[in-house]
């Protein structure tokens, strides 16, 4: 993984190029392995989540970029609204998704920023209990709806970003209930200096939490 300093200097198109190249390489490698397996046993069995992963190539880089833009106060990534030439590049690279789903949102944020109203989400994103990343993924087949799954275990409720993360948890819950999720710890009041009242009107959890 590259350092955040790289993320702070690369352009939007460079970020998307790197992701798209990685995704295409991943798809080619997996298909090669599947064909190799077929030559040995005469059949091909797709790995779990294969179809969802292939579909996500058209969406995940845009969704991740939007998440970092939203939560700029909590994430060590510098993000911005792509230039018009970058918008056109993204449109060409993602013809089935960008203009319909992601360009309108970016253009709205651009308009807001031009009126000194740069959009910030002043909360913190819910994290998946299994993979521990923000729940930014969308439903398979419906990129307009956030994918949200949950399971009950030991009297508590746990949240997941996909069917696959939920399945992993359900097969081995004792392992994953031990996860220490910073966002959840902050909202549960475990990361504030003594005497802090997180229920006070106007309280900002980002400002009130101790460095972790």
Protein backbone atom coordinates (compact mmCIF):
# COMPACT_ATOMS: atom_id res chain seq x y z
CA UNK A 1 0.00 0.00 0.00
CA UNK A 2 1.30 3.45 -0.83
CA UNK A 3 1.67 6.04 1.88
CA UNK A 4 -0.80 8.85 2.44
CA UNK A 5 1.78 11.29 1.03
CA UNK A 6 1.22 9.69 -2.37
CA UNK A 7 -2.53 10.06 -1.91
CA UNK A 8 -2.04 13.72 -1.14
CA UNK A 9 -0.13 14.43 -4.37
CA UNK A 10 -1.75 12.26 -7.05
CA UNK A 11 -4.63 13.51 -9.19
CA UNK A 12 -8.13 12.11 -9.20
CA UNK A 13 -7.58 10.48 -12.60
CA UNK A 14 -4.30 8.93 -11.38
CA UNK A 15 -6.10 7.46 -8.37
CA UNK A 16 -8.86 6.02 -10.54
CA UNK A 17 -6.34 4.74 -13.09
CA UNK A 18 -4.41 2.90 -10.40
CA UNK A 19 -7.58 1.31 -9.03
CA UNK A 20 -8.96 0.34 -12.41
CA UNK A 21 -5.64 -1.18 -13.45
CA UNK A 22 -5.50 -3.16 -10.19
CA UNK A 23 -9.08 -4.36 -10.62
CA UNK A 24 -8.49 -5.43 -14.22
CA UNK A 25 -5.30 -7.25 -13.21
CA UNK A 26 -7.14 -8.99 -10.37
CA UNK A 27 -9.86 -10.15 -12.76
CA UNK A 28 -7.34 -11.51 -15.29
CA UNK A 29 -5.36 -13.36 -12.61
CA UNK A 30 -8.46 -14.96 -11.11
CA UNK A 31 -9.72 -16.08 -14.53
CA UNK A 32 -6.29 -17.55 -15.30
CA UNK A 33 -6.40 -19.52 -12.05
CA UNK A 34 -9.94 -20.69 -12.79
CA UNK A 35 -8.89 -21.93 -16.24
CA UNK A 36 -5.90 -23.69 -14.73
CA UNK A 37 -8.20 -25.39 -12.23
CA UNK A 38 -10.57 -26.42 -15.01
CA UNK A 39 -7.72 -28.07 -16.90
CA UNK A 40 -7.05 -30.27 -13.87
CA UNK A 41 -10.53 -31.22 -12.74
CA UNK A 42 -12.67 -30.40 -15.77
CA UNK A 43 -14.84 -27.75 -14.16
CA UNK A 44 -14.74 -24.09 -13.11
CA UNK A 45 -16.10 -22.92 -9.76
CA UNK A 46 -16.32 -19.17 -9.25
CA UNK A 47 -14.94 -17.95 -5.91
CA UNK A 48 -17.41 -16.48 -3.43
CA UNK A 49 -18.18 -12.87 -4.24
CA UNK A 50 -16.78 -13.06 -7.76
CA UNK A 51 -19.79 -11.49 -9.50
CA UNK A 52 -20.05 -8.75 -6.86
CA UNK A 53 -16.34 -7.94 -7.20
CA UNK A 54 -16.57 -7.64 -10.98
CA UNK A 55 -19.63 -5.38 -10.74
CA UNK A 56 -17.96 -3.21 -8.08
CA UNK A 57 -15.17 -2.20 -10.47
CA UNK A 58 -17.50 0.44 -11.94
CA UNK A 59 -18.32 1.91 -8.54
CA UNK A 60 -15.87 1.42 -5.71
CA UNK A 61 -13.29 4.05 -6.66
CA UNK A 62 -16.03 6.71 -6.91
CA UNK A 63 -17.61 5.58 -3.65
CA UNK A 64 -14.28 5.56 -1.82
CA UNK A 65 -13.39 9.02 -3.17
CA UNK A 66 -16.75 10.39 -2.04
CA UNK A 67 -16.26 8.86 1.41
CA UNK A 68 -12.84 10.47 1.85
CA UNK A 69 -14.29 13.78 0.62
CA UNK A 70 -17.18 13.50 3.08
CA UNK A 71 -15.05 12.64 6.08
CA UNK A 72 -12.05 14.86 5.37
CA UNK A 73 -11.90 15.83 9.03
CA UNK A 74 -11.37 12.23 10.08
CA UNK A 75 -9.32 10.71 7.23
CA UNK A 76 -5.67 11.54 6.36
CA UNK A 77 -6.46 11.91 2.65
CA UNK A 78 -6.63 15.13 0.68
CA UNK A 79 -9.53 15.05 -1.78
CA UNK A 80 -11.04 17.61 -4.12
CA UNK A 81 -13.60 17.96 -6.89
CA UNK A 82 -12.12 16.67 -10.18
CA UNK A 83 -11.39 19.22 -12.91
CA UNK A 84 -13.54 19.18 -16.03
CA UNK A 85 -10.89 17.26 -18.00
CA UNK A 86 -10.74 14.70 -15.19
CA UNK A 87 -14.53 14.44 -15.26
CA UNK A 88 -14.37 13.68 -18.98
CA UNK A 89 -11.68 11.07 -18.42
CA UNK A 90 -13.78 9.40 -15.72
CA UNK A 91 -16.78 9.46 -18.04
CA UNK A 92 -14.79 7.64 -20.72
CA UNK A 93 -13.35 5.08 -18.33
CA UNK A 94 -16.66 4.35 -16.58
CA UNK A 95 -19.31 4.81 -19.30
CA UNK A 96 -21.91 2.69 -17.51
CA UNK A 97 -21.81 4.44 -14.16
CA UNK A 98 -20.00 7.77 -13.85
CA UNK A 99 -22.29 10.20 -15.72
CA UNK A 100 -25.44 8.67 -14.29
CA UNK A 101 -24.47 8.11 -10.67
CA UNK A 102 -21.37 10.06 -9.71
CA UNK A 103 -20.91 13.13 -11.89
CA UNK A 104 -24.14 14.81 -10.61
CA UNK A 105 -22.98 14.52 -7.01
CA UNK A 106 -19.52 15.89 -7.80
CA UNK A 107 -21.01 18.79 -9.73
CA UNK A 108 -23.33 19.58 -6.82
CA UNK A 109 -20.41 19.56 -4.38
CA UNK A 110 -18.46 21.79 -6.78
CA UNK A 111 -21.31 24.28 -6.87
CA UNK A 112 -21.54 24.26 -3.06
CA UNK A 113 -17.78 24.81 -2.70
CA UNK A 114 -17.93 27.78 -5.09
CA UNK A 115 -20.44 29.35 -2.68
CA UNK A 116 -18.07 28.82 0.29
CA UNK A 117 -20.13 25.87 1.45
CA UNK A 118 -17.69 22.99 0.98
CA UNK A 119 -19.53 19.82 2.05
CA UNK A 120 -18.27 18.07 5.17
CA UNK A 121 -19.86 15.20 7.03
CA UNK A 122 -19.27 16.06 10.68
CA UNK A 123 -20.13 12.62 11.97
CA UNK A 124 -18.09 9.43 11.71
CA UNK A 125 -18.94 6.51 9.40
CA UNK A 126 -20.14 3.19 10.74
CA UNK A 127 -17.48 0.50 10.33
CA UNK A 128 -17.98 -3.10 9.23
CA UNK A 129 -17.26 -5.47 12.11
CA UNK A 130 -15.46 -7.93 9.84
CA UNK A 131 -13.32 -5.89 7.43
CA UNK A 132 -13.32 -2.78 9.67
CA UNK A 133 -13.64 -0.25 6.86
CA UNK A 134 -16.44 2.32 6.43
CA UNK A 135 -19.71 0.92 5.19
CA UNK A 136 -19.58 2.67 1.83
CA UNK A 137 -20.41 -0.23 -0.50
CA UNK A 138 -23.74 -0.39 -2.29
CA UNK A 139 -26.20 -3.19 -2.86
CA UNK A 140 -25.32 -5.62 -5.66
CA UNK A 141 -27.32 -4.48 -8.66
CA UNK A 142 -28.37 -1.18 -7.06
CA UNK A 143 -25.64 1.45 -6.71
CA UNK A 144 -28.12 3.96 -5.24
CA UNK A 145 -28.56 2.08 -1.96
CA UNK A 146 -25.96 1.44 0.76
CA UNK A 147 -25.47 -2.25 1.51
CA UNK A 148 -26.23 -2.88 5.18
CA UNK A 149 -26.31 -6.21 7.00
CA UNK A 150 -26.48 -7.10 10.69
CA UNK A 151 -26.26 -10.07 13.03
CA UNK A 152 -27.08 -10.57 16.71
CA UNK A 153 -24.59 -12.34 18.94
CA UNK A 154 -24.30 -12.49 22.72
CA UNK A 155 -27.01 -9.88 23.18
CA UNK A 156 -25.28 -7.32 20.95
CA UNK A 157 -25.88 -6.25 17.34
CA UNK A 158 -23.05 -6.23 14.79
CA UNK A 159 -23.00 -4.48 11.42
CA UNK A 160 -21.51 -5.51 8.06
CA UNK A 161 -20.85 -3.95 4.67
CA UNK A 162 -21.81 -7.01 2.60
CA UNK A 163 -23.30 -10.49 2.66
CA UNK A 164 -19.78 -11.88 2.51
CA UNK A 165 -18.55 -10.07 5.63
CA UNK A 166 -21.71 -11.12 7.46
CA UNK A 167 -21.16 -14.75 6.44
CA UNK A 168 -17.55 -14.64 7.68
CA UNK A 169 -18.71 -13.26 11.02
CA UNK A 170 -21.57 -15.74 11.39
CA UNK A 171 -19.15 -18.65 10.85
CA UNK A 172 -16.69 -17.40 13.49
CA UNK A 173 -18.31 -14.71 15.67
CA UNK A 174 -16.06 -15.24 18.71
CA UNK A 175 -13.11 -14.03 16.65
CA UNK A 176 -14.69 -10.84 15.35
CA UNK A 177 -16.52 -9.63 18.45
CA UNK A 178 -13.05 -8.82 19.82
CA UNK A 179 -12.44 -6.18 17.14
CA UNK A 180 -11.65 -2.70 18.47
CA UNK A 181 -13.36 -0.28 16.11
CA UNK A 182 -12.29 3.35 16.69
CA UNK A 183 -15.55 4.92 15.51
CA UNK A 184 -17.66 2.69 17.72
CA UNK A 185 -15.37 3.28 20.70
CA UNK A 186 -15.67 7.05 20.25
CA UNK A 187 -19.46 7.00 20.09
CA UNK A 188 -19.61 4.67 23.08
CA UNK A 189 -17.72 7.33 25.05
CA UNK A 190 -14.51 5.33 25.59
CA UNK A 191 -12.11 7.82 23.97
CA UNK A 192 -12.89 11.11 25.74
CA UNK A 193 -10.92 12.79 28.53
CA UNK A 194 -12.34 12.33 32.01
CA UNK A 195 -15.29 14.61 32.67
CA UNK A 196 -16.34 14.93 29.03
CA UNK A 197 -20.09 14.88 28.42
CA UNK A 198 -20.72 13.52 24.89
CA UNK A 199 -24.46 14.18 25.33
CA UNK A 200 -23.93 17.95 25.64
CA UNK A 201 -25.64 20.05 22.99
CA UNK A 202 -23.34 20.75 20.05
CA UNK A 203 -20.71 18.22 21.20
CA UNK A 204 -18.27 17.33 18.38
CA UNK A 205 -16.91 13.77 18.77
CA UNK A 206 -14.06 14.53 16.36
CA UNK A 207 -12.81 17.34 18.57
CA UNK A 208 -13.54 15.67 21.88
CA UNK A 209 -11.83 12.34 21.34
CA UNK A 210 -8.27 11.68 22.49
CA UNK A 211 -5.67 10.85 19.78
CA UNK A 212 -5.51 7.07 19.15
